[in-house]
C-alpha atoms as a PDB file:
ATOM      1  CA  MET A   1     -45.167 -77.688 -25.122  1.00  0.00           C
ATOM      2  CA  PHE A   2     -46.713 -79.707 -27.932  1.00  0.00           C
ATOM      3  CA  THR A   3     -47.162 -76.722 -30.215  1.00  0.00           C
ATOM      4  CA  THR A   4     -43.580 -75.576 -29.623  1.00  0.00           C
ATOM      5  CA  MET A   5     -42.246 -79.025 -30.577  1.00  0.00           C
ATOM      6  CA  VAL A   6     -44.438 -79.189 -33.676  1.00  0.00           C
ATOM      7  CA  LYS A   7     -43.354 -75.710 -34.731  1.00  0.00           C
ATOM      8  CA  ARG A   8     -39.679 -76.610 -34.297  1.00  0.00           C
ATOM      9  CA  THR A   9     -40.049 -79.868 -36.239  1.00  0.00           C
ATOM     10  CA  LEU A  10     -41.848 -78.127 -39.093  1.00  0.00           C
ATOM     11  CA  ALA A  11     -39.279 -75.317 -39.148  1.00  0.00           C
ATOM     12  CA  ILE A  12     -36.403 -77.810 -39.317  1.00  0.00           C
ATOM     13  CA  SER A  13     -38.177 -79.771 -42.082  1.00  0.00           C
ATOM     14  CA  LEU A  14     -38.734 -76.630 -44.154  1.00  0.00           C
ATOM     15  CA  LEU A  15     -35.152 -75.521 -43.590  1.00  0.00           C
ATOM     16  CA  ALA A  16     -33.945 -78.921 -44.766  1.00  0.00           C
ATOM     17  CA  LEU A  17     -35.989 -78.587 -47.925  1.00  0.00           C
ATOM     18  CA  SER A  18     -34.547 -75.183 -48.754  1.00  0.00           C
ATOM     19  CA  SER A  19     -30.859 -75.773 -48.016  1.00  0.00           C
ATOM     20  CA  PRO A  20     -29.649 -77.999 -50.892  1.00  0.00           C
ATOM     21  CA  PHE A  21     -31.261 -75.865 -53.582  1.00  0.00           C
ATOM     22  CA  ALA A  22     -28.197 -74.124 -54.974  1.00  0.00           C
ATOM     23  CA  THR A  23     -27.912 -71.860 -57.981  1.00  0.00           C
ATOM     24  CA  ALA A  24     -31.229 -72.261 -59.723  1.00  0.00           C
ATOM     25  CA  GLY A  25     -32.051 -69.570 -62.213  1.00  0.00           C
ATOM     26  CA  ILE A  26     -31.262 -68.262 -65.668  1.00  0.00           C
ATOM     27  CA  ILE A  27     -27.716 -68.387 -67.044  1.00  0.00           C
ATOM     28  CA  THR A  28     -26.882 -66.414 -70.181  1.00  0.00           C
ATOM     29  CA  LEU A  29     -24.083 -67.608 -72.458  1.00  0.00           C
ATOM     30  CA  THR A  30     -21.765 -65.993 -74.984  1.00  0.00           C
ATOM     31  CA  THR A  31     -19.351 -68.223 -76.859  1.00  0.00           C
ATOM     32  CA  ASP A  32     -16.620 -68.618 -79.476  1.00  0.00           C
ATOM     33  CA  GLY A  33     -15.219 -71.926 -80.700  1.00  0.00           C
ATOM     34  CA  THR A  34     -14.568 -74.529 -83.375  1.00  0.00           C
ATOM     35  CA  VAL A  35     -16.670 -77.246 -84.989  1.00  0.00           C
ATOM     36  CA  THR A  36     -14.542 -80.171 -86.189  1.00  0.00           C
ATOM     37  CA  PRO A  37     -15.942 -82.802 -88.589  1.00  0.00           C
ATOM     38  CA  GLY A  38     -15.322 -86.435 -87.638  1.00  0.00           C
ATOM     39  CA  ALA A  39     -16.125 -89.756 -89.227  1.00  0.00           C
ATOM     40  CA  ALA A  40     -19.120 -90.385 -91.455  1.00  0.00           C
ATOM     41  CA  CYS A  41     -21.988 -92.112 -89.627  1.00  0.00           C
ATOM     42  CA  GLY A  42     -23.841 -93.425 -92.671  1.00  0.00           C
ATOM     43  CA  ALA A  43     -25.190 -92.120 -95.954  1.00  0.00           C
ATOM     44  CA  GLY A  44     -25.510 -88.334 -95.671  1.00  0.00           C
ATOM     45  CA  CYS A  45     -24.606 -88.405 -91.968  1.00  0.00           C
ATOM     46  CA  GLN A  46     -21.560 -86.706 -90.432  1.00  0.00           C
ATOM     47  CA  THR A  47     -20.246 -86.723 -86.854  1.00  0.00           C
ATOM     48  CA  TYR A  48     -18.887 -83.536 -85.314  1.00  0.00           C
ATOM     49  CA  SER A  49     -17.207 -82.391 -82.154  1.00  0.00           C
ATOM     50  CA  VAL A  50     -17.529 -78.838 -80.875  1.00  0.00           C
ATOM     51  CA  ASP A  51     -15.129 -77.139 -78.490  1.00  0.00           C
ATOM     52  CA  ALA A  52     -15.920 -73.676 -77.200  1.00  0.00           C
ATOM     53  CA  THR A  53     -15.016 -71.108 -74.620  1.00  0.00           C
ATOM     54  CA  VAL A  54     -18.115 -69.795 -72.898  1.00  0.00           C
ATOM     55  CA  VAL A  55     -18.678 -66.812 -70.632  1.00  0.00           C
ATOM     56  CA  ALA A  56     -21.651 -67.626 -68.413  1.00  0.00           C
ATOM     57  CA  ILE A  57     -23.546 -65.044 -66.368  1.00  0.00           C
ATOM     58  CA  ASN A  58     -26.070 -66.116 -63.750  1.00  0.00           C
ATOM     59  CA  THR A  59     -28.706 -63.407 -64.140  1.00  0.00           C
ATOM     60  CA  ASP A  60     -30.050 -64.022 -60.615  1.00  0.00           C
ATOM     61  CA  ASP A  61     -26.868 -62.951 -58.825  1.00  0.00           C
ATOM     62  CA  GLY A  62     -24.635 -61.483 -61.573  1.00  0.00           C
ATOM     63  CA  PHE A  63     -21.979 -64.182 -61.069  1.00  0.00           C
ATOM     64  CA  VAL A  64     -19.691 -64.454 -64.127  1.00  0.00           C
ATOM     65  CA  SER A  65     -17.536 -67.496 -64.889  1.00  0.00           C
ATOM     66  CA  ASN A  66     -15.558 -68.887 -67.815  1.00  0.00           C
ATOM     67  CA  TRP A  67     -16.441 -72.356 -69.063  1.00  0.00           C
ATOM     68  CA  SER A  68     -14.902 -74.952 -71.342  1.00  0.00           C
ATOM     69  CA  TRP A  69     -17.786 -76.378 -73.366  1.00  0.00           C
ATOM     70  CA  SER A  70     -17.682 -79.514 -75.477  1.00  0.00           C
ATOM     71  CA  ILE A  71     -20.217 -81.338 -77.586  1.00  0.00           C
ATOM     72  CA  GLY A  72     -19.396 -84.956 -78.236  1.00  0.00           C
ATOM     73  CA  SER A  73     -21.000 -87.529 -80.499  1.00  0.00           C
ATOM     74  CA  LEU A  74     -22.961 -84.941 -82.472  1.00  0.00           C
ATOM     75  CA  GLN A  75     -24.479 -86.649 -85.512  1.00  0.00           C
ATOM     76  CA  ILE A  76     -25.989 -84.487 -88.244  1.00  0.00           C
ATOM     77  CA  ALA A  77     -27.937 -85.641 -91.298  1.00  0.00           C
ATOM     78  CA  ALA A  78     -30.104 -83.408 -93.519  1.00  0.00           C
ATOM     79  CA  ASN A  79     -29.143 -80.348 -91.440  1.00  0.00           C
ATOM     80  CA  THR A  80     -30.543 -81.717 -88.161  1.00  0.00           C
ATOM     81  CA  GLY A  81     -28.885 -83.745 -85.465  1.00  0.00           C
ATOM     82  CA  THR A  82     -28.580 -84.844 -81.863  1.00  0.00           C
ATOM     83  CA  GLY A  83     -25.763 -85.274 -79.397  1.00  0.00           C
ATOM     84  CA  SER A  84     -24.576 -84.843 -75.858  1.00  0.00           C
ATOM     85  CA  TRP A  85     -22.751 -81.936 -74.232  1.00  0.00           C
ATOM     86  CA  SER A  86     -20.787 -81.090 -71.112  1.00  0.00           C
ATOM     87  CA  ALA A  87     -19.416 -77.871 -69.687  1.00  0.00           C
ATOM     88  CA  THR A  88     -16.850 -77.319 -66.934  1.00  0.00           C
ATOM     89  CA  SER A  89     -16.159 -73.979 -65.295  1.00  0.00           C
ATOM     90  CA  THR A  90     -12.731 -72.734 -64.288  1.00  0.00           C
ATOM     91  CA  LEU A  91     -13.978 -73.174 -60.686  1.00  0.00           C
ATOM     92  CA  GLY A  92     -14.572 -76.911 -61.243  1.00  0.00           C
ATOM     93  CA  ASP A  93     -18.378 -76.823 -61.417  1.00  0.00           C
ATOM     94  CA  SER A  94     -19.984 -78.667 -64.311  1.00  0.00           C
ATOM     95  CA  LEU A  95     -23.199 -79.270 -66.223  1.00  0.00           C
ATOM     96  CA  PHE A  96     -24.084 -81.958 -68.773  1.00  0.00           C
ATOM     97  CA  GLY A  97     -26.978 -82.981 -70.971  1.00  0.00           C
ATOM     98  CA  ASP A  98     -28.375 -83.756 -74.403  1.00  0.00           C
ATOM     99  CA  LEU A  99     -28.961 -81.466 -77.375  1.00  0.00           C
ATOM    100  CA  SER A 100     -30.581 -81.212 -80.762  1.00  0.00           C
ATOM    101  CA  VAL A 101     -29.335 -79.054 -83.640  1.00  0.00           C
ATOM    102  CA  ALA A 102     -30.980 -77.499 -86.698  1.00  0.00           C
ATOM    103  CA  ILE A 103     -28.715 -75.880 -89.304  1.00  0.00           C
ATOM    104  CA  THR A 104     -29.982 -73.206 -91.689  1.00  0.00           C
ATOM    105  CA  GLY A 105     -27.263 -71.858 -93.981  1.00  0.00           C
ATOM    106  CA  THR A 106     -24.422 -70.999 -91.619  1.00  0.00           C
ATOM    107  CA  THR A 107     -26.618 -70.641 -88.501  1.00  0.00           C
ATOM    108  CA  TRP A 108     -26.731 -73.449 -85.946  1.00  0.00           C
ATOM    109  CA  ASP A 109     -29.775 -73.390 -83.629  1.00  0.00           C
ATOM    110  CA  ILE A 110     -29.305 -75.628 -80.604  1.00  0.00           C
ATOM    111  CA  SER A 111     -31.825 -76.850 -78.035  1.00  0.00           C
ATOM    112  CA  LEU A 112     -30.191 -77.964 -74.784  1.00  0.00           C
ATOM    113  CA  ALA A 113     -31.495 -80.287 -72.071  1.00  0.00           C
ATOM    114  CA  VAL A 114     -29.666 -80.038 -68.736  1.00  0.00           C
ATOM    115  CA  LEU A 115     -29.633 -83.490 -67.132  1.00  0.00           C
ATOM    116  CA  GLY A 116     -27.365 -82.814 -64.159  1.00  0.00           C
ATOM    117  CA  GLY A 117     -24.211 -81.266 -62.827  1.00  0.00           C
ATOM    118  CA  ASP A 118     -21.559 -81.167 -60.119  1.00  0.00           C
ATOM    119  CA  GLY A 119     -20.363 -78.576 -57.624  1.00  0.00           C
ATOM    120  CA  VAL A 120     -22.803 -75.701 -57.210  1.00  0.00           C
ATOM    121  CA  PHE A 121     -24.838 -77.220 -60.034  1.00  0.00           C
ATOM    122  CA  ALA A 122     -25.406 -80.586 -58.291  1.00  0.00           C
ATOM    123  CA  ALA A 123     -29.003 -81.753 -58.623  1.00  0.00           C
ATOM    124  CA  GLN A 124     -29.740 -79.223 -61.384  1.00  0.00           C
ATOM    125  CA  GLN A 125     -31.976 -79.904 -64.359  1.00  0.00           C
ATOM    126  CA  GLY A 126     -33.394 -77.601 -66.986  1.00  0.00           C
ATOM    127  CA  ALA A 127     -33.408 -76.558 -70.599  1.00  0.00           C
ATOM    128  CA  GLY A 128     -32.022 -73.864 -72.821  1.00  0.00           C
ATOM    129  CA  THR A 129     -31.259 -72.667 -76.299  1.00  0.00           C
ATOM    130  CA  ALA A 130     -28.168 -71.438 -78.071  1.00  0.00           C
ATOM    131  CA  ALA A 131     -27.307 -70.219 -81.545  1.00  0.00           C
ATOM    132  CA  PHE A 132     -24.136 -69.404 -83.419  1.00  0.00           C
ATOM    133  CA  ALA A 133     -23.132 -68.553 -86.945  1.00  0.00           C
ATOM    134  CA  GLN A 134     -20.184 -70.095 -88.756  1.00  0.00           C
ATOM    135  CA  ILE A 135     -17.573 -67.535 -89.769  1.00  0.00           C
ATOM    136  CA  ALA A 136     -17.296 -69.184 -93.198  1.00  0.00           C
ATOM    137  CA  ALA A 137     -19.075 -71.929 -95.103  1.00  0.00           C
ATOM    138  CA  GLN A 138     -17.841 -75.405 -94.290  1.00  0.00           C
ATOM    139  CA  SER A 139     -15.498 -77.167 -96.677  1.00  0.00           C
ATOM    140  CA  ALA A 140     -15.168 -80.957 -96.600  1.00  0.00           C
ATOM    141  CA  GLN A 141     -13.515 -82.291 -93.438  1.00  0.00           C
ATOM    142  CA  GLN A 142     -12.156 -78.891 -92.389  1.00  0.00           C
ATOM    143  CA  PRO A 143     -12.780 -77.385 -88.949  1.00  0.00           C
ATOM    144  CA  LEU A 144     -14.954 -74.293 -88.999  1.00  0.00           C
ATOM    145  CA  ALA A 145     -14.846 -71.445 -86.515  1.00  0.00           C
ATOM    146  CA  PHE A 146     -17.752 -69.594 -84.996  1.00  0.00           C
ATOM    147  CA  THR A 147     -18.014 -66.465 -82.912  1.00  0.00           C
ATOM    148  CA  GLY A 148     -20.699 -64.424 -81.217  1.00  0.00           C
ATOM    149  CA  GLY A 149     -22.709 -67.426 -80.133  1.00  0.00           C
ATOM    150  CA  THR A 150     -25.417 -66.655 -77.591  1.00  0.00           C
ATOM    151  CA  GLY A 151     -27.778 -68.671 -75.478  1.00  0.00           C
ATOM    152  CA  SER A 152     -29.401 -69.193 -72.126  1.00  0.00           C
ATOM    153  CA  LEU A 153     -30.071 -72.017 -69.700  1.00  0.00           C
ATOM    154  CA  SER A 154     -32.937 -72.140 -67.234  1.00  0.00           C
ATOM    155  CA  LEU A 155     -32.035 -74.349 -64.274  1.00  0.00           C
ATOM    156  CA  ASN A 156     -34.252 -75.890 -61.610  1.00  0.00           C
ATOM    157  CA  SER A 157     -33.063 -77.662 -58.504  1.00  0.00           C
ATOM    158  CA  VAL A 158     -34.097 -81.232 -57.816  1.00  0.00           C
ATOM    159  CA  PRO A 159     -34.154 -82.231 -54.135  1.00  0.00           C
ATOM    160  CA  GLU A 160     -31.496 -84.718 -53.111  1.00  0.00           C
ATOM    161  CA  PRO A 161     -32.666 -88.018 -51.583  1.00  0.00           C
ATOM    162  CA  SER A 162     -31.167 -87.061 -48.197  1.00  0.00           C
ATOM    163  CA  THR A 163     -33.347 -83.932 -48.173  1.00  0.00           C
ATOM    164  CA  ILE A 164     -36.482 -85.941 -48.748  1.00  0.00           C
ATOM    165  CA  ALA A 165     -35.410 -88.407 -46.032  1.00  0.00           C
ATOM    166  CA  LEU A 166     -34.865 -85.537 -43.577  1.00  0.00           C
ATOM    167  CA  LEU A 167     -38.325 -84.181 -44.351  1.00  0.00           C
ATOM    168  CA  ALA A 168     -39.830 -87.654 -43.806  1.00  0.00           C
ATOM    169  CA  ILE A 169     -38.087 -87.955 -40.420  1.00  0.00           C
ATOM    170  CA  GLY A 170     -39.439 -84.558 -39.401  1.00  0.00           C
ATOM    171  CA  LEU A 171     -42.973 -85.450 -40.428  1.00  0.00           C
ATOM    172  CA  ALA A 172     -42.696 -88.825 -38.643  1.00  0.00           C
ATOM    173  CA  GLY A 173     -41.668 -86.899 -35.510  1.00  0.00           C
ATOM    174  CA  VAL A 174     -44.773 -84.715 -35.803  1.00  0.00           C
ATOM    175  CA  ALA A 175     -46.967 -87.830 -36.215  1.00  0.00           C
ATOM    176  CA  PHE A 176     -45.336 -89.571 -33.236  1.00  0.00           C
ATOM    177  CA  THR A 177     -45.768 -86.494 -31.041  1.00  0.00           C
ATOM    178  CA  ARG A 178     -49.422 -86.193 -32.028  1.00  0.00           C
ATOM    179  CA  LYS A 179     -50.096 -89.881 -31.381  1.00  0.00           C
ATOM    180  CA  ARG A 180     -48.387 -89.659 -27.983  1.00  0.00           C
ATOM    181  CA  ARG A 181     -50.412 -86.590 -27.070  1.00  0.00           C
ATOM    182  CA  LEU A 182     -53.662 -88.300 -28.029  1.00  0.00           C
ATOM    183  CA  SER A 183     -52.792 -91.466 -26.034  1.00  0.00           C
ATOM    184  CA  LEU A 184     -51.931 -89.382 -22.931  1.00  0.00           C
ATOM    185  CA  ALA A 185     -55.225 -87.491 -23.227  1.00  0.00           C
ATOM    186  CA  ALA A 186     -57.242 -90.754 -23.314  1.00  0.00           C
END
């Protein structure tokens, strides 16, 4: 009887650990959009906002979705910068994070950090890269378009606190059962 109870408790604990891990994997991105200059942020520094339409493909399961992608508070000086980003799918799922940008000519190379998300991307973290080329050179304070942007995100699930609590309860049950068995044997 003891071994059956231990096996069940361990099975439930392992099941609890696996259940909240949704949609980890690699997501490839293709994008088109607009970069709009904003206010100056100091000598040689310019703020930008970026709005894009993104087609995202989860390479693990082939799921395709359309996303609205925005980069806010992007500050660029001497062709490098940092900012934050968020993306929302047409299904209501979202991701958000920080980014850094390096500009060479008309090419923008972007490093993305995924800090979290909602919906199927709840408890997701990860990193990725993206790149796009401006269609034309930027003129002062004029929006510039880009097309053919590509990138990828690698996502990893982070266990939710309730999952860890459920595992702890299961392990406490195993310890209690073992202690009880040892006291009955004595």
